[in-house]
C-alpha atoms as a PDB file:
ATOM      1  CA  MET A   1      22.611  17.886  -4.057  1.00  0.00           C
ATOM      2  CA  SER A   2      24.384  21.233  -4.291  1.00  0.00           C
ATOM      3  CA  LEU A   3      28.162  21.250  -4.369  1.00  0.00           C
ATOM      4  CA  LEU A   4      28.411  22.690  -0.870  1.00  0.00           C
ATOM      5  CA  ASP A   5      26.232  19.862   0.484  1.00  0.00           C
ATOM      6  CA  ARG A   6      29.142  17.546  -0.341  1.00  0.00           C
ATOM      7  CA  ILE A   7      31.272  19.211   2.346  1.00  0.00           C
ATOM      8  CA  THR A   8      30.634  17.977   5.874  1.00  0.00           C
ATOM      9  CA  ILE A   9      31.951  19.018   9.264  1.00  0.00           C
ATOM     10  CA  ASP A  10      31.819  16.402  11.987  1.00  0.00           C
ATOM     11  CA  PRO A  11      33.875  16.749  15.181  1.00  0.00           C
ATOM     12  CA  ARG A  12      34.404  12.955  15.127  1.00  0.00           C
ATOM     13  CA  VAL A  13      35.995  13.017  11.660  1.00  0.00           C
ATOM     14  CA  ARG A  14      39.427  14.632  11.235  1.00  0.00           C
ATOM     15  CA  PHE A  15      38.866  16.738  14.378  1.00  0.00           C
ATOM     16  CA  GLY A  16      36.042  18.679  12.741  1.00  0.00           C
ATOM     17  CA  LYS A  17      37.923  19.747   9.626  1.00  0.00           C
ATOM     18  CA  PRO A  18      35.700  20.225   6.568  1.00  0.00           C
ATOM     19  CA  CYS A  19      35.717  16.914   4.691  1.00  0.00           C
ATOM     20  CA  VAL A  20      34.243  15.505   1.515  1.00  0.00           C
ATOM     21  CA  ARG A  21      30.954  13.628   2.055  1.00  0.00           C
ATOM     22  CA  GLY A  22      31.889  12.458   5.544  1.00  0.00           C
ATOM     23  CA  LEU A  23      34.985  10.702   4.251  1.00  0.00           C
ATOM     24  CA  ARG A  24      38.304  11.246   5.982  1.00  0.00           C
ATOM     25  CA  ILE A  25      39.459  13.330   3.019  1.00  0.00           C
ATOM     26  CA  ALA A  26      39.766  16.954   4.132  1.00  0.00           C
ATOM     27  CA  VAL A  27      38.998  19.880   1.840  1.00  0.00           C
ATOM     28  CA  ASP A  28      42.390  21.392   2.652  1.00  0.00           C
ATOM     29  CA  ASP A  29      44.155  18.177   1.639  1.00  0.00           C
ATOM     30  CA  VAL A  30      42.450  18.138  -1.762  1.00  0.00           C
ATOM     31  CA  LEU A  31      43.294  21.802  -2.302  1.00  0.00           C
ATOM     32  CA  SER A  32      46.907  21.200  -1.253  1.00  0.00           C
ATOM     33  CA  TYR A  33      47.279  18.412  -3.797  1.00  0.00           C
ATOM     34  CA  LEU A  34      45.912  20.655  -6.542  1.00  0.00           C
ATOM     35  CA  ALA A  35      48.078  23.600  -5.449  1.00  0.00           C
ATOM     36  CA  GLY A  36      51.083  21.292  -5.383  1.00  0.00           C
ATOM     37  CA  GLY A  37      50.645  20.569  -9.059  1.00  0.00           C
ATOM     38  CA  MET A  38      48.572  17.396  -9.101  1.00  0.00           C
ATOM     39  CA  SER A  39      45.961  17.321 -11.819  1.00  0.00           C
ATOM     40  CA  GLU A  40      42.354  16.465 -11.096  1.00  0.00           C
ATOM     41  CA  VAL A  41      42.918  13.102 -12.787  1.00  0.00           C
ATOM     42  CA  GLU A  42      45.870  12.380 -10.493  1.00  0.00           C
ATOM     43  CA  VAL A  43      43.880  13.293  -7.382  1.00  0.00           C
ATOM     44  CA  LEU A  44      40.981  11.115  -8.519  1.00  0.00           C
ATOM     45  CA  SER A  45      43.274   8.171  -9.232  1.00  0.00           C
ATOM     46  CA  GLY A  46      44.879   8.534  -5.798  1.00  0.00           C
ATOM     47  CA  PHE A  47      41.512   8.746  -4.051  1.00  0.00           C
ATOM     48  CA  PRO A  48      39.031   6.480  -5.852  1.00  0.00           C
ATOM     49  CA  ASP A  49      36.204   7.505  -3.491  1.00  0.00           C
ATOM     50  CA  LEU A  50      36.360  11.091  -4.820  1.00  0.00           C
ATOM     51  CA  THR A  51      34.509  12.394  -7.857  1.00  0.00           C
ATOM     52  CA  SER A  52      35.072  15.428 -10.056  1.00  0.00           C
ATOM     53  CA  GLU A  53      32.111  17.025  -8.311  1.00  0.00           C
ATOM     54  CA  ASP A  54      33.808  16.506  -4.942  1.00  0.00           C
ATOM     55  CA  ILE A  55      36.898  18.351  -6.141  1.00  0.00           C
ATOM     56  CA  GLN A  56      34.746  21.137  -7.518  1.00  0.00           C
ATOM     57  CA  ALA A  57      32.934  21.293  -4.157  1.00  0.00           C
ATOM     58  CA  CYS A  58      36.265  21.750  -2.355  1.00  0.00           C
ATOM     59  CA  ILE A  59      37.114  24.694  -4.595  1.00  0.00           C
ATOM     60  CA  VAL A  60      33.680  26.268  -4.139  1.00  0.00           C
ATOM     61  CA  TYR A  61      33.830  25.731  -0.372  1.00  0.00           C
ATOM     62  CA  ASP A  62      37.220  27.429  -0.180  1.00  0.00           C
ATOM     63  CA  ALA A  63      36.016  30.372  -2.257  1.00  0.00           C
ATOM     64  CA  GLU A  64      32.967  30.784  -0.007  1.00  0.00           C
ATOM     65  CA  ARG A  65      35.128  30.515   3.107  1.00  0.00           C
ATOM     66  CA  LYS A  66      37.358  33.327   1.830  1.00  0.00           C
ATOM     67  CA  ARG A  67      34.365  35.564   1.140  1.00  0.00           C
ATOM     68  CA  ARG A  68      33.261  35.480   4.784  1.00  0.00           C
ATOM     69  CA  PRO A  69      34.476  38.242   7.078  1.00  0.00           C
ATOM     70  CA  THR A  70      37.344  37.216   9.357  1.00  0.00           C
ATOM     71  CA  GLY A  71      36.151  35.672  12.591  1.00  0.00           C
ATOM     72  CA  GLN A  72      32.806  34.465  11.247  1.00  0.00           C
ATOM     73  CA  ALA A  73      32.096  30.834  12.053  1.00  0.00           C
ATOM     74  CA  THR A  74      32.166  28.276   9.235  1.00  0.00           C
END
């Protein structure tokens, strides 16, 4: 499984926001926790369903999203 395969988009889950492995944990939420100063260990302890690879996938997904030209579908 590649890191990006861990990110799913399902209109029935969190209104179609990119989430981790179909869970109700949105990529943007994980990134917000990290940007807010939480360490990876703190995020993982707060969300036991997440793995280090999931957090890495969120970062890679965000980087890829920012590389796309504005207006291109995700």
